[in-house]
Every structure is written in C-alpha cells, then in structure tokens.
C-alpha atoms as a PDB file:
ATOM      1  CA  MET A   1      22.078  44.921 103.227  1.00  0.00           C
ATOM      2  CA  LYS A   2      20.450  45.581  99.861  1.00  0.00           C
ATOM      3  CA  VAL A   3      16.953  47.047 100.012  1.00  0.00           C
ATOM      4  CA  LEU A   4      14.562  47.743  97.136  1.00  0.00           C
ATOM      5  CA  VAL A   5      12.115  50.579  97.785  1.00  0.00           C
ATOM      6  CA  ILE A   6       9.031  50.829  95.570  1.00  0.00           C
ATOM      7  CA  LYS A   7       7.444  54.268  95.846  1.00  0.00           C
ATOM      8  CA  THR A   8       6.524  55.425  92.387  1.00  0.00           C
ATOM      9  CA  SER A   9       4.435  58.546  93.106  1.00  0.00           C
ATOM     10  CA  SER A  10       3.433  61.211  93.967  1.00  0.00           C
ATOM     11  CA  LEU A  11       6.038  63.864  94.735  1.00  0.00           C
ATOM     12  CA  GLY A  12       4.926  64.521  98.319  1.00  0.00           C
ATOM     13  CA  ASP A  13       4.740  60.806  99.095  1.00  0.00           C
ATOM     14  CA  ILE A  14       8.177  60.249  97.590  1.00  0.00           C
ATOM     15  CA  VAL A  15       9.576  63.022  99.795  1.00  0.00           C
ATOM     16  CA  HIS A  16       8.052  61.212 102.791  1.00  0.00           C
ATOM     17  CA  GLY A  17       9.671  57.986 101.654  1.00  0.00           C
ATOM     18  CA  LEU A  18      13.079  59.648 101.255  1.00  0.00           C
ATOM     19  CA  ARG A  19      12.832  60.919 104.825  1.00  0.00           C
ATOM     20  CA  VAL A  20      12.078  57.386 106.042  1.00  0.00           C
ATOM     21  CA  ILE A  21      14.984  55.841 104.127  1.00  0.00           C
ATOM     22  CA  THR A  22      17.304  58.581 105.382  1.00  0.00           C
ATOM     23  CA  SER A  23      16.308  57.609 108.928  1.00  0.00           C
ATOM     24  CA  LEU A  24      16.763  53.905 108.197  1.00  0.00           C
ATOM     25  CA  ARG A  25      20.263  54.400 106.811  1.00  0.00           C
ATOM     26  CA  GLU A  26      21.224  56.538 109.794  1.00  0.00           C
ATOM     27  CA  GLN A  27      20.192  53.735 112.149  1.00  0.00           C
ATOM     28  CA  VAL A  28      21.203  50.597 110.217  1.00  0.00           C
ATOM     29  CA  PRO A  29      24.766  50.689 108.871  1.00  0.00           C
ATOM     30  CA  GLY A  30      25.527  49.277 105.451  1.00  0.00           C
ATOM     31  CA  VAL A  31      22.094  49.669 103.854  1.00  0.00           C
ATOM     32  CA  GLN A  32      22.188  50.048 100.067  1.00  0.00           C
ATOM     33  CA  VAL A  33      19.014  51.372  98.453  1.00  0.00           C
ATOM     34  CA  THR A  34      17.567  50.863  94.988  1.00  0.00           C
ATOM     35  CA  TRP A  35      14.397  52.883  94.329  1.00  0.00           C
ATOM     36  CA  VAL A  36      11.624  52.526  91.738  1.00  0.00           C
ATOM     37  CA  ALA A  37      10.015  55.878  90.843  1.00  0.00           C
ATOM     38  CA  GLN A  38       7.857  57.190  88.033  1.00  0.00           C
ATOM     39  CA  GLU A  39       9.663  59.241  85.426  1.00  0.00           C
ATOM     40  CA  PRO A  40       8.426  62.730  86.482  1.00  0.00           C
ATOM     41  CA  PHE A  41       9.632  62.230  90.075  1.00  0.00           C
ATOM     42  CA  ALA A  42      12.781  60.152  89.506  1.00  0.00           C
ATOM     43  CA  PRO A  43      15.167  63.156  89.192  1.00  0.00           C
ATOM     44  CA  LEU A  44      14.657  64.090  92.855  1.00  0.00           C
ATOM     45  CA  VAL A  45      15.248  60.495  93.941  1.00  0.00           C
ATOM     46  CA  GLN A  46      18.419  60.367  91.844  1.00  0.00           C
ATOM     47  CA  ILE A  47      20.029  63.299  93.665  1.00  0.00           C
ATOM     48  CA  CYS A  48      19.112  62.081  97.170  1.00  0.00           C
ATOM     49  CA  ALA A  49      22.165  60.848  99.047  1.00  0.00           C
ATOM     50  CA  ALA A  50      20.131  58.072 100.708  1.00  0.00           C
ATOM     51  CA  VAL A  51      19.521  56.336  97.345  1.00  0.00           C
ATOM     52  CA  ASP A  52      22.241  54.435  95.500  1.00  0.00           C
ATOM     53  CA  ARG A  53      20.369  53.491  92.323  1.00  0.00           C
ATOM     54  CA  THR A  54      17.120  54.575  90.711  1.00  0.00           C
ATOM     55  CA  ILE A  55      14.943  52.472  88.410  1.00  0.00           C
ATOM     56  CA  ILE A  56      12.682  54.690  86.318  1.00  0.00           C
ATOM     57  CA  PHE A  57       9.103  53.582  85.744  1.00  0.00           C
ATOM     58  CA  ARG A  58       7.870  55.173  82.495  1.00  0.00           C
ATOM     59  CA  ARG A  59       4.140  54.880  82.973  1.00  0.00           C
ATOM     60  CA  ARG A  60       2.993  56.764  79.853  1.00  0.00           C
ATOM     61  CA  ASN A  61       3.188  53.507  77.918  1.00  0.00           C
ATOM     62  CA  LEU A  62       2.053  51.323  80.789  1.00  0.00           C
ATOM     63  CA  LEU A  63       2.708  47.896  79.278  1.00  0.00           C
ATOM     64  CA  ARG A  64       6.147  48.798  77.944  1.00  0.00           C
ATOM     65  CA  GLY A  65       7.105  50.722  81.076  1.00  0.00           C
ATOM     66  CA  MET A  66       6.006  47.922  83.400  1.00  0.00           C
ATOM     67  CA  SER A  67       7.846  45.316  81.330  1.00  0.00           C
ATOM     68  CA  ALA A  68      11.044  47.372  81.477  1.00  0.00           C
ATOM     69  CA  VAL A  69      10.891  47.632  85.275  1.00  0.00           C
ATOM     70  CA  LEU A  70      10.200  43.923  85.693  1.00  0.00           C
ATOM     71  CA  ARG A  71      13.191  43.103  83.482  1.00  0.00           C
ATOM     72  CA  GLU A  72      15.454  45.286  85.631  1.00  0.00           C
ATOM     73  CA  LEU A  73      14.214  43.545  88.777  1.00  0.00           C
ATOM     74  CA  LYS A  74      14.831  40.062  87.406  1.00  0.00           C
ATOM     75  CA  THR A  75      18.595  39.890  87.992  1.00  0.00           C
ATOM     76  CA  PRO A  76      19.660  41.616  91.244  1.00  0.00           C
ATOM     77  CA  GLU A  77      19.016  39.954  94.572  1.00  0.00           C
ATOM     78  CA  PHE A  78      17.758  42.006  97.512  1.00  0.00           C
ATOM     79  CA  ASP A  79      17.719  41.308 101.213  1.00  0.00           C
ATOM     80  CA  ALA A  80      14.330  42.991 101.448  1.00  0.00           C
ATOM     81  CA  VAL A  81      11.741  44.740  99.300  1.00  0.00           C
ATOM     82  CA  ILE A  82       9.626  47.574 100.694  1.00  0.00           C
ATOM     83  CA  ASP A  83       6.444  48.473  98.810  1.00  0.00           C
ATOM     84  CA  MET A  84       5.500  51.885 100.168  1.00  0.00           C
ATOM     85  CA  GLN A  85       2.905  52.430  97.421  1.00  0.00           C
ATOM     86  CA  GLY A  86       0.633  49.489  98.161  1.00  0.00           C
ATOM     87  CA  ARG A  87      -1.069  49.207  94.775  1.00  0.00           C
ATOM     88  CA  PHE A  88      -1.507  46.276  92.362  1.00  0.00           C
ATOM     89  CA  LEU A  89       1.256  47.319  89.963  1.00  0.00           C
ATOM     90  CA  THR A  90       3.772  47.953  92.730  1.00  0.00           C
ATOM     91  CA  GLY A  91       2.803  44.644  94.308  1.00  0.00           C
ATOM     92  CA  LEU A  92       3.681  42.970  91.008  1.00  0.00           C
ATOM     93  CA  MET A  93       7.056  44.679  91.106  1.00  0.00           C
ATOM     94  CA  ALA A  94       7.629  43.379  94.619  1.00  0.00           C
ATOM     95  CA  ALA A  95       6.658  39.885  93.532  1.00  0.00           C
ATOM     96  CA  ARG A  96       9.131  40.004  90.629  1.00  0.00           C
ATOM     97  CA  ALA A  97      12.101  41.017  92.758  1.00  0.00           C
ATOM     98  CA  ARG A  98      14.432  38.276  93.973  1.00  0.00           C
ATOM     99  CA  THR A  99      14.134  38.379  97.747  1.00  0.00           C
ATOM    100  CA  ARG A 100      12.886  36.444 100.725  1.00  0.00           C
ATOM    101  CA  ARG A 101      11.311  39.479 102.386  1.00  0.00           C
ATOM    102  CA  ARG A 102       8.494  41.347 100.653  1.00  0.00           C
ATOM    103  CA  ILE A 103       7.234  43.962 103.071  1.00  0.00           C
ATOM    104  CA  GLY A 104       4.027  45.910 102.426  1.00  0.00           C
ATOM    105  CA  ARG A 105       1.541  48.214 104.085  1.00  0.00           C
ATOM    106  CA  THR A 106      -1.315  47.034 106.244  1.00  0.00           C
ATOM    107  CA  ASP A 107      -3.540  49.544 104.430  1.00  0.00           C
ATOM    108  CA  CYS A 108      -2.497  48.368 100.947  1.00  0.00           C
ATOM    109  CA  ARG A 109      -5.088  48.389  98.166  1.00  0.00           C
ATOM    110  CA  GLU A 110      -6.033  46.738  94.877  1.00  0.00           C
ATOM    111  CA  GLY A 111      -5.149  43.268  96.139  1.00  0.00           C
ATOM    112  CA  SER A 112      -1.465  44.080  96.448  1.00  0.00           C
ATOM    113  CA  GLY A 113      -1.343  42.361  99.846  1.00  0.00           C
ATOM    114  CA  LEU A 114      -1.288  39.026  98.022  1.00  0.00           C
ATOM    115  CA  PHE A 115       2.312  39.731  96.985  1.00  0.00           C
ATOM    116  CA  TYR A 116       3.778  40.346 100.470  1.00  0.00           C
ATOM    117  CA  ASN A 117       4.953  37.932 103.150  1.00  0.00           C
ATOM    118  CA  GLU A 118       5.252  40.706 105.755  1.00  0.00           C
ATOM    119  CA  ARG A 119       3.232  43.784 106.563  1.00  0.00           C
ATOM    120  CA  VAL A 120       4.112  46.693 108.811  1.00  0.00           C
ATOM    121  CA  PRO A 121       1.466  47.774 111.334  1.00  0.00           C
ATOM    122  CA  LEU A 122      -0.398  51.030 111.240  1.00  0.00           C
ATOM    123  CA  PRO A 123       0.521  53.675 113.848  1.00  0.00           C
ATOM    124  CA  ALA A 124      -1.589  54.052 116.975  1.00  0.00           C
ATOM    125  CA  ALA A 125      -4.026  56.414 115.219  1.00  0.00           C
ATOM    126  CA  GLY A 126      -4.645  53.816 112.506  1.00  0.00           C
ATOM    127  CA  ARG A 127      -5.861  55.099 109.149  1.00  0.00           C
ATOM    128  CA  ARG A 128      -6.216  58.575 110.668  1.00  0.00           C
ATOM    129  CA  SER A 129      -2.427  58.775 110.975  1.00  0.00           C
ATOM    130  CA  HIS A 130      -0.324  61.226 109.024  1.00  0.00           C
ATOM    131  CA  ALA A 131       0.937  59.796 105.718  1.00  0.00           C
ATOM    132  CA  LEU A 132       4.548  60.017 106.914  1.00  0.00           C
ATOM    133  CA  ASP A 133       3.800  58.269 110.203  1.00  0.00           C
ATOM    134  CA  ILE A 134       2.395  55.353 108.197  1.00  0.00           C
ATOM    135  CA  LEU A 135       5.584  55.055 106.132  1.00  0.00           C
ATOM    136  CA  LEU A 136       7.842  55.404 109.186  1.00  0.00           C
ATOM    137  CA  GLU A 137       6.573  52.017 110.381  1.00  0.00           C
ATOM    138  CA  PHE A 138       8.824  50.421 107.744  1.00  0.00           C
ATOM    139  CA  CYS A 139      11.820  51.345 109.933  1.00  0.00           C
ATOM    140  CA  GLY A 140      10.530  48.923 112.554  1.00  0.00           C
ATOM    141  CA  ALA A 141      10.750  46.041 110.085  1.00  0.00           C
ATOM    142  CA  PHE A 142      14.556  46.358 110.270  1.00  0.00           C
ATOM    143  CA  GLY A 143      14.822  46.760 114.033  1.00  0.00           C
ATOM    144  CA  ALA A 144      15.229  50.527 113.775  1.00  0.00           C
ATOM    145  CA  LYS A 145      13.332  53.105 115.792  1.00  0.00           C
ATOM    146  CA  VAL A 146      10.155  54.423 114.175  1.00  0.00           C
ATOM    147  CA  GLU A 147      11.343  58.025 114.059  1.00  0.00           C
ATOM    148  CA  LEU A 148      13.030  60.534 111.784  1.00  0.00           C
ATOM    149  CA  ARG A 149      16.780  61.041 111.997  1.00  0.00           C
ATOM    150  CA  GLY A 150      17.755  64.315 110.376  1.00  0.00           C
ATOM    151  CA  PRO A 151      16.731  65.877 107.058  1.00  0.00           C
ATOM    152  CA  PRO A 152      17.429  64.175 103.722  1.00  0.00           C
ATOM    153  CA  VAL A 153      20.560  65.302 101.913  1.00  0.00           C
ATOM    154  CA  PHE A 154      20.450  66.166  98.211  1.00  0.00           C
ATOM    155  CA  ARG A 155      23.459  66.302  95.930  1.00  0.00           C
ATOM    156  CA  ALA A 156      23.832  69.258  93.610  1.00  0.00           C
ATOM    157  CA  PRO A 157      22.639  68.247  90.121  1.00  0.00           C
ATOM    158  CA  GLY A 158      25.398  67.826  87.551  1.00  0.00           C
ATOM    159  CA  GLN A 159      23.848  70.538  85.406  1.00  0.00           C
ATOM    160  CA  PRO A 160      21.345  72.866  87.097  1.00  0.00           C
ATOM    161  CA  MET A 161      18.220  73.361  85.007  1.00  0.00           C
ATOM    162  CA  MET A 162      17.518  76.835  86.340  1.00  0.00           C
ATOM    163  CA  ASP A 163      19.893  79.740  86.752  1.00  0.00           C
ATOM    164  CA  LEU A 164      19.548  80.946  90.341  1.00  0.00           C
ATOM    165  CA  ALA A 165      22.107  83.718  89.880  1.00  0.00           C
ATOM    166  CA  GLY A 166      19.471  86.414  89.374  1.00  0.00           C
ATOM    167  CA  LEU A 167      17.686  85.660  92.633  1.00  0.00           C
ATOM    168  CA  PRO A 168      18.453  87.769  95.711  1.00  0.00           C
ATOM    169  CA  GLN A 169      21.562  86.582  97.556  1.00  0.00           C
ATOM    170  CA  ASP A 170      21.850  89.318 100.172  1.00  0.00           C
ATOM    171  CA  ARG A 171      18.609  88.305 101.865  1.00  0.00           C
ATOM    172  CA  LYS A 172      16.425  85.236 101.913  1.00  0.00           C
ATOM    173  CA  ALA A 173      13.316  85.449  99.770  1.00  0.00           C
ATOM    174  CA  VAL A 174       9.777  84.301 100.441  1.00  0.00           C
ATOM    175  CA  VAL A 175       9.280  81.432  97.976  1.00  0.00           C
ATOM    176  CA  MET A 176       5.733  80.662  96.843  1.00  0.00           C
ATOM    177  CA  PHE A 177       4.391  77.670  94.918  1.00  0.00           C
ATOM    178  CA  PRO A 178       0.998  78.808  93.561  1.00  0.00           C
ATOM    179  CA  ASP A 179       0.327  75.612  91.588  1.00  0.00           C
ATOM    180  CA  SER A 180      -0.636  72.038  92.380  1.00  0.00           C
ATOM    181  CA  ARG A 181      -1.123  68.983  90.206  1.00  0.00           C
ATOM    182  CA  ARG A 182      -4.713  68.791  91.447  1.00  0.00           C
ATOM    183  CA  GLU A 183      -6.752  71.828  90.471  1.00  0.00           C
ATOM    184  CA  GLU A 184      -9.028  71.606  93.507  1.00  0.00           C
ATOM    185  CA  LYS A 185      -5.994  72.161  95.758  1.00  0.00           C
ATOM    186  CA  CYS A 186      -4.967  75.417  94.028  1.00  0.00           C
ATOM    187  CA  TRP A 187      -5.658  78.550  96.059  1.00  0.00           C
ATOM    188  CA  GLY A 188      -6.360  81.637  93.963  1.00  0.00           C
ATOM    189  CA  GLY A 189      -5.024  84.174  96.450  1.00  0.00           C
ATOM    190  CA  PHE A 190      -1.299  83.993  95.757  1.00  0.00           C
ATOM    191  CA  GLY A 191      -1.313  87.027  93.484  1.00  0.00           C
ATOM    192  CA  GLU A 192      -2.920  89.335  96.036  1.00  0.00           C
ATOM    193  CA  LEU A 193      -0.870  87.881  98.874  1.00  0.00           C
ATOM    194  CA  THR A 194       2.318  88.580  96.925  1.00  0.00           C
ATOM    195  CA  LYS A 195       1.340  92.212  96.319  1.00  0.00           C
ATOM    196  CA  MET A 196       0.476  92.706  99.988  1.00  0.00           C
ATOM    197  CA  VAL A 197       3.772  91.211 101.192  1.00  0.00           C
ATOM    198  CA  LEU A 198       5.823  93.345  98.797  1.00  0.00           C
ATOM    199  CA  ARG A 199       3.878  96.558  99.500  1.00  0.00           C
ATOM    200  CA  GLU A 200       4.088  96.275 103.263  1.00  0.00           C
ATOM    201  CA  ASN A 201       7.659  94.979 103.563  1.00  0.00           C
ATOM    202  CA  PRO A 202      10.104  97.012 101.455  1.00  0.00           C
ATOM    203  CA  GLY A 203      13.022  94.773 102.441  1.00  0.00           C
ATOM    204  CA  CYS A 204      11.257  91.606 101.338  1.00  0.00           C
ATOM    205  CA  SER A 205      11.477  89.808  97.991  1.00  0.00           C
ATOM    206  CA  VAL A 206       9.204  87.089  96.631  1.00  0.00           C
ATOM    207  CA  VAL A 207       9.963  84.219  94.255  1.00  0.00           C
ATOM    208  CA  TRP A 208       7.270  82.254  92.454  1.00  0.00           C
ATOM    209  CA  ALA A 209       8.360  78.726  91.513  1.00  0.00           C
ATOM    210  CA  GLY A 210       6.857  75.626  89.958  1.00  0.00           C
ATOM    211  CA  ASP A 211       7.062  73.536  86.822  1.00  0.00           C
ATOM    212  CA  ARG A 212       4.072  75.174  85.089  1.00  0.00           C
ATOM    213  CA  LEU A 213       4.319  78.763  83.838  1.00  0.00           C
ATOM    214  CA  LEU A 214       1.992  81.066  85.784  1.00  0.00           C
ATOM    215  CA  PRO A 215       1.888  84.787  84.905  1.00  0.00           C
ATOM    216  CA  PHE A 216       1.839  87.421  87.624  1.00  0.00           C
ATOM    217  CA  PRO A 217       0.537  90.738  86.194  1.00  0.00           C
ATOM    218  CA  GLY A 218       1.827  92.859  89.054  1.00  0.00           C
ATOM    219  CA  GLY A 219       5.468  91.866  88.728  1.00  0.00           C
ATOM    220  CA  ALA A 220       6.536  95.004  86.868  1.00  0.00           C
ATOM    221  CA  ALA A 221       5.534  97.121  89.867  1.00  0.00           C
ATOM    222  CA  PHE A 222       8.231  95.492  92.029  1.00  0.00           C
ATOM    223  CA  PRO A 223      11.463  95.492  90.012  1.00  0.00           C
ATOM    224  CA  GLY A 224      14.290  93.633  91.704  1.00  0.00           C
ATOM    225  CA  ARG A 225      11.942  92.261  94.343  1.00  0.00           C
ATOM    226  CA  PHE A 226       9.624  89.870  92.491  1.00  0.00           C
ATOM    227  CA  PHE A 227      11.029  86.925  90.537  1.00  0.00           C
ATOM    228  CA  ASN A 228       8.891  84.531  88.528  1.00  0.00           C
ATOM    229  CA  VAL A 229      10.681  81.279  87.760  1.00  0.00           C
ATOM    230  CA  THR A 230       7.522  79.222  87.204  1.00  0.00           C
ATOM    231  CA  GLY A 231       7.909  77.056  84.134  1.00  0.00           C
ATOM    232  CA  ARG A 232      11.683  77.096  84.600  1.00  0.00           C
ATOM    233  CA  SER A 233      12.103  75.488  88.020  1.00  0.00           C
ATOM    234  CA  LYS A 234      12.768  71.756  87.868  1.00  0.00           C
ATOM    235  CA  LEU A 235      12.698  69.144  90.611  1.00  0.00           C
ATOM    236  CA  THR A 236      16.458  69.037  90.872  1.00  0.00           C
ATOM    237  CA  ASP A 237      16.528  72.820  91.439  1.00  0.00           C
ATOM    238  CA  LEU A 238      14.161  72.758  94.385  1.00  0.00           C
ATOM    239  CA  PRO A 239      16.494  71.774  97.254  1.00  0.00           C
ATOM    240  CA  ALA A 240      18.873  74.658  96.465  1.00  0.00           C
ATOM    241  CA  LEU A 241      15.991  77.099  95.956  1.00  0.00           C
ATOM    242  CA  LEU A 242      14.270  76.110  99.184  1.00  0.00           C
ATOM    243  CA  ARG A 243      17.447  76.310 101.235  1.00  0.00           C
ATOM    244  CA  GLN A 244      17.747  80.017 100.418  1.00  0.00           C
ATOM    245  CA  ALA A 245      14.140  80.780 101.396  1.00  0.00           C
ATOM    246  CA  SER A 246      13.084  82.613 104.538  1.00  0.00           C
ATOM    247  CA  TRP A 247       9.614  81.103 104.158  1.00  0.00           C
ATOM    248  CA  VAL A 248       7.896  78.769 101.725  1.00  0.00           C
ATOM    249  CA  ILE A 249       4.183  79.312 101.084  1.00  0.00           C
ATOM    250  CA  SER A 250       2.520  76.586  99.081  1.00  0.00           C
ATOM    251  CA  ASN A 251      -0.647  74.758  98.264  1.00  0.00           C
ATOM    252  CA  ASP A 252      -0.863  71.204  99.563  1.00  0.00           C
ATOM    253  CA  SER A 253       1.813  69.878  97.204  1.00  0.00           C
ATOM    254  CA  GLY A 254       5.165  68.152  96.935  1.00  0.00           C
ATOM    255  CA  PRO A 255       7.245  71.342  97.350  1.00  0.00           C
ATOM    256  CA  MET A 256       5.483  72.008 100.657  1.00  0.00           C
ATOM    257  CA  HIS A 257       6.551  68.593 101.936  1.00  0.00           C
ATOM    258  CA  LEU A 258      10.083  69.061 100.617  1.00  0.00           C
ATOM    259  CA  ALA A 259      10.382  72.382 102.459  1.00  0.00           C
ATOM    260  CA  ALA A 260       9.264  70.707 105.682  1.00  0.00           C
ATOM    261  CA  ALA A 261      11.751  67.881 105.095  1.00  0.00           C
ATOM    262  CA  LEU A 262      14.572  70.425 104.714  1.00  0.00           C
ATOM    263  CA  GLU A 263      13.391  72.157 107.914  1.00  0.00           C
ATOM    264  CA  VAL A 264      12.631  75.420 106.107  1.00  0.00           C
ATOM    265  CA  LYS A 265       9.822  77.557 107.521  1.00  0.00           C
ATOM    266  CA  VAL A 266       6.697  76.601 105.578  1.00  0.00           C
ATOM    267  CA  LEU A 267       3.024  77.532 105.446  1.00  0.00           C
ATOM    268  CA  GLY A 268       0.722  75.086 103.685  1.00  0.00           C
ATOM    269  CA  VAL A 269      -2.620  76.300 102.302  1.00  0.00           C
ATOM    270  CA  PHE A 270      -5.273  73.598 102.643  1.00  0.00           C
ATOM    271  CA  GLY A 271      -8.732  73.263 101.164  1.00  0.00           C
ATOM    272  CA  PRO A 272     -10.371  69.896 100.439  1.00  0.00           C
ATOM    273  CA  THR A 273      -7.508  67.761 101.802  1.00  0.00           C
ATOM    274  CA  ASP A 274      -7.150  66.890 105.478  1.00  0.00           C
ATOM    275  CA  VAL A 275      -4.286  68.759 107.136  1.00  0.00           C
ATOM    276  CA  THR A 276      -4.140  66.128 109.882  1.00  0.00           C
ATOM    277  CA  LEU A 277      -3.198  63.479 107.327  1.00  0.00           C
ATOM    278  CA  TYR A 278      -1.240  65.544 104.820  1.00  0.00           C
ATOM    279  CA  GLY A 279       0.046  68.688 106.538  1.00  0.00           C
ATOM    280  CA  PRO A 280       3.710  69.721 106.889  1.00  0.00           C
ATOM    281  CA  TYR A 281       5.525  67.153 109.044  1.00  0.00           C
ATOM    282  CA  PRO A 282       6.012  67.047 111.912  1.00  0.00           C
ATOM    283  CA  PRO A 283       2.865  68.874 112.979  1.00  0.00           C
ATOM    284  CA  GLY A 284       3.406  71.129 115.941  1.00  0.00           C
ATOM    285  CA  ARG A 285       6.902  72.207 114.925  1.00  0.00           C
ATOM    286  CA  PRO A 286       6.938  76.045 115.033  1.00  0.00           C
ATOM    287  CA  THR A 287       8.362  76.178 111.508  1.00  0.00           C
ATOM    288  CA  ASN A 288       5.530  74.035 110.085  1.00  0.00           C
ATOM    289  CA  LEU A 289       2.309  76.009 109.738  1.00  0.00           C
ATOM    290  CA  ALA A 290      -0.930  75.351 107.903  1.00  0.00           C
ATOM    291  CA  VAL A 291      -4.022  77.390 107.190  1.00  0.00           C
ATOM    292  CA  CYS A 292      -7.304  75.648 106.365  1.00  0.00           C
ATOM    293  CA  ALA A 293      -9.983  77.212 104.202  1.00  0.00           C
ATOM    294  CA  PRO A 294     -13.432  77.494 105.822  1.00  0.00           C
ATOM    295  CA  GLY A 295     -15.410  74.367 105.068  1.00  0.00           C
ATOM    296  CA  GLY A 296     -12.549  73.154 102.863  1.00  0.00           C
ATOM    297  CA  ASN A 297     -13.494  75.730 100.209  1.00  0.00           C
ATOM    298  CA  LEU A 298     -10.392  77.622  99.058  1.00  0.00           C
ATOM    299  CA  ARG A 299     -12.574  80.366  97.556  1.00  0.00           C
ATOM    300  CA  LEU A 300     -13.536  81.363 101.097  1.00  0.00           C
ATOM    301  CA  LEU A 301      -9.940  81.918 102.202  1.00  0.00           C
ATOM    302  CA  GLY A 302      -8.694  85.492 101.724  1.00  0.00           C
ATOM    303  CA  PRO A 303      -5.074  86.678 101.491  1.00  0.00           C
ATOM    304  CA  LYS A 304      -5.547  88.926 104.548  1.00  0.00           C
ATOM    305  CA  GLU A 305      -6.128  85.909 106.763  1.00  0.00           C
ATOM    306  CA  VAL A 306      -3.023  84.211 105.407  1.00  0.00           C
ATOM    307  CA  LEU A 307      -0.866  87.306 105.812  1.00  0.00           C
ATOM    308  CA  TYR A 308      -2.123  87.842 109.354  1.00  0.00           C
ATOM    309  CA  LEU A 309      -1.016  84.328 110.282  1.00  0.00           C
ATOM    310  CA  LEU A 310       2.407  84.925 108.728  1.00  0.00           C
ATOM    311  CA  LYS A 311       2.844  88.199 110.594  1.00  0.00           C
ATOM    312  CA  LYS A 312       2.057  86.520 113.888  1.00  0.00           C
ATOM    313  CA  ALA A 313       4.483  83.703 113.122  1.00  0.00           C
ATOM    314  CA  ASP A 314       7.416  85.818 111.921  1.00  0.00           C
ATOM    315  CA  PRO A 315       7.136  89.599 112.449  1.00  0.00           C
ATOM    316  CA  ALA A 316      10.821  89.969 111.543  1.00  0.00           C
ATOM    317  CA  VAL A 317      10.072  88.932 107.957  1.00  0.00           C
ATOM    318  CA  PHE A 318       6.467  90.054 107.463  1.00  0.00           C
ATOM    319  CA  GLY A 319       6.220  92.907 109.977  1.00  0.00           C
ATOM    320  CA  MET A 320       3.381  93.661 112.374  1.00  0.00           C
ATOM    321  CA  HIS A 321       1.978  96.637 110.485  1.00  0.00           C
ATOM    322  CA  GLN A 322      -1.748  96.909 110.044  1.00  0.00           C
ATOM    323  CA  ILE A 323      -2.947  94.683 107.246  1.00  0.00           C
ATOM    324  CA  SER A 324      -3.859  96.862 104.297  1.00  0.00           C
ATOM    325  CA  SER A 325      -7.219  96.654 102.615  1.00  0.00           C
END
C-alpha cells in the first residue's frame, strides 16, 4: 500500500507525524511512505526508517516551490493521501495527488477540508487533545489501533555534519537546547542552570546544542565538562546526540519532542504554550517531565526551581545536595 503523507512543518509536529507513521507501519504490513516536508525539516524525515521517499517543499520561493511539489505529485499513484497539516496549501497538494482516498483532519483550517473525501475524528478530548493524539487518529483510517508502537528509528546520516568525537563517551551528558524558533518560548535561565549543575555535580557534563550559535560565557570555568555545539548541530545529528544523553532539557521545541520520541529522559520548559497540548508525549511517563512558568511568563521561572525538580526526578544524576544560592 502506497501512502502519501503531507506534513510540511514544524519540527515538533513532524516528529509527531513520524511516530504515527512508525506505528502505522508496525501494524499494517507492506506500507510504503512518501512524505512532503519543508526544506529545513526534510533531512530528519529522510533519515527516518519509516519513510521511503521524501519530497522537499522549498517554501522560500512559494510559487516555484509549490509548483515543483505539484509536478512531483502528478505522476505517482497512491492508495491514500494523509494531510496531517490541514492548511490550504497542503490541501492543494492532496488534491493534486492521484488517489481515491484523501484523508484530512477534522480540525483543518483555511478551507482545506474542501480537498478531502475523508476526515479522521478528533480524540475524546476534542480540540483540547494533545497534538500527537490528534495525529494518531490517522491510524484508525487504515484499521490500525490508535496507539504508538515503539520509537521511530533513524538511520545514521551518510556524512555526519557534526563531529561528536570530542563529547564525553565515558558517561552520558546532560544535553540542553536553550533556543527555540519562537522567541517567546525561549527561557533565559539556561546559563545559570548549567553553572549550577556543573558546580554541584563534579561527575556531570553538559552539552549545549542547537542550530543557532549561542555563547556561554562561563564555559572556560568547566574545561572538559561543558561543550557548546550550538551553531554546529544539524537535524541529522540529533538522534545520535540525544541517544547518548542522560537527560535532555529544552524549551518547548522540536528537539524536546524528538527526545521524548526516542524515550530519552526529558524536561520541557514551558511558558506561553499549553503543556497539556504540546508537552512531552506521552504525558505521565516518568521520563517525560515539564515545568511551567508562573502565569506563562518565563521571566518568572528561576533556575533553582528547575534544578530542584531535576534533583527530585533523578538524584543519581543531579544529586540531592542543597541547592546553592
């Protein structure tokens, strides 16, 4: 069975979609997947074992990029098309594809519902459902159970973008992602939290990662224990980096969702976004934690509160010493 998946952005949502397709392929033998993704996120899709072919949507030049995708969709025939995005442009892509089944979301927007002949229902909690629970309903359209079946598998990239050889191999590091594509979701306490973790836990090392270079002025004080690979870590590096982490601490961002997908211990820092809808999935798993800023204001969340939560969750890594001032 040939299935076209349209999920063009963003990184966290694409990770959710990869988890759903991994579950679908585990339950329905013989599924072949073609995926449409925007250019910045396509590299992760390309190395996912659940995806056979990736069509890259280059949105910078919208007209040219859209035309290129529609041309690629003109020839192959699919048994079903899944539009996980639910927007006008992705609805157009679904309409262009040669198929008898065009399956969309009940909560689709921008008139995209006009392009579908099937829609999956919302979960029991309706629009207050977690983003991944909403996408999992697509499994039901193929007679599969609406549940996850194991973590997604990622192939090693042909040529790693980042040299991981300098990172600690004798012990797992705490990996932090201090950045987010949306400025209002960026917590400013990662620097102080890093210093506190390194000061209080001599056996611990910390790695900062992300695609945008972020300086950490205190790094020289912790030689051999602090590693800053921001600006050098690419999407295709992340699965390998996350797998060697003892914990991942991140803003509400794609790497947080990828860590949860790989079943790595993760703490998400939340401000204006709703943790019920966008927190690490599944909620309630002991390895998936979240801390919410008072009133949704990240400026009101201090590093002591975050470190205290980490110490309670994993004293073996963070220790139970008194939190320093």
